Amino acid sequence: MKLILPKKYVNVGPDSFYAKTPTFFLAGPVLGAGDWQRRMMSLIDKRMEQSLVVCPCRYDESDVLHKEHAFVSGKSAEVVFEHQTNWERYYLEHASRKGCIIFWLGCESKLSPRNDGKPYSCDTLGEIGEWRGHLMHNPNLHVVVGAEHDFPGLSVIKTNFLAALGVNFPIYSNMEATVVAAIQKSYNLA
């Protein structure tokens, strides 16, 4: 597994070394969510020999993830992506076709909840709605959703996927099943 962190640019285009390497974008709450991303990365790494994992968390450079998995060379991210949102959109689009977007809807951490005055998971709810809309127009996009059973608003999210897609869109109840589904989708590279 190789890890792409904000706002690092790694060439994943059709002529790049990584053109055929599945890319997984870890989408879901960051602020107040604990570090679910680390566990998700470990599950992917155990099941795939080679993969790219795009994680929007800003891990410190002294973190073991930097030492073992993160890209340390390449173009200066500031030149390619002025804002993290641009970086996220670039890799979300790529993962939706050449790997899988993995939404994990975990509950807010009781030990370190969001403390900036904004509602928990507000950005994620907008992103999941956007990708539900993309799936309405292109059901071949690679998107999976997993959630803890008491994630706030989960029943509405399930209802909206059913109404939008007209099928029973699976929402997985644990990380392991979510990762397995994402890997299965990644084998069907567009």
Foldseek 3Di string as FASTA:
>chain_A
DAEEEPPDDDDCDCPDPNVQAQEEEEAFFDAQQPCVVVVLVVLLVVVDVGHYYYYHDDDDCVDVCVVPHYDDDDDDSCVVDVDVVVSNVVRQVVNQFQFAYEYEQEAGDPVGGHDPPDDTGPVRVVVLVVVLVVCLVPVLTHYAAEYAPVRPPPVVSQVVSCVSNVDRRDHHHDSNVSSVSRRVSNVNHD
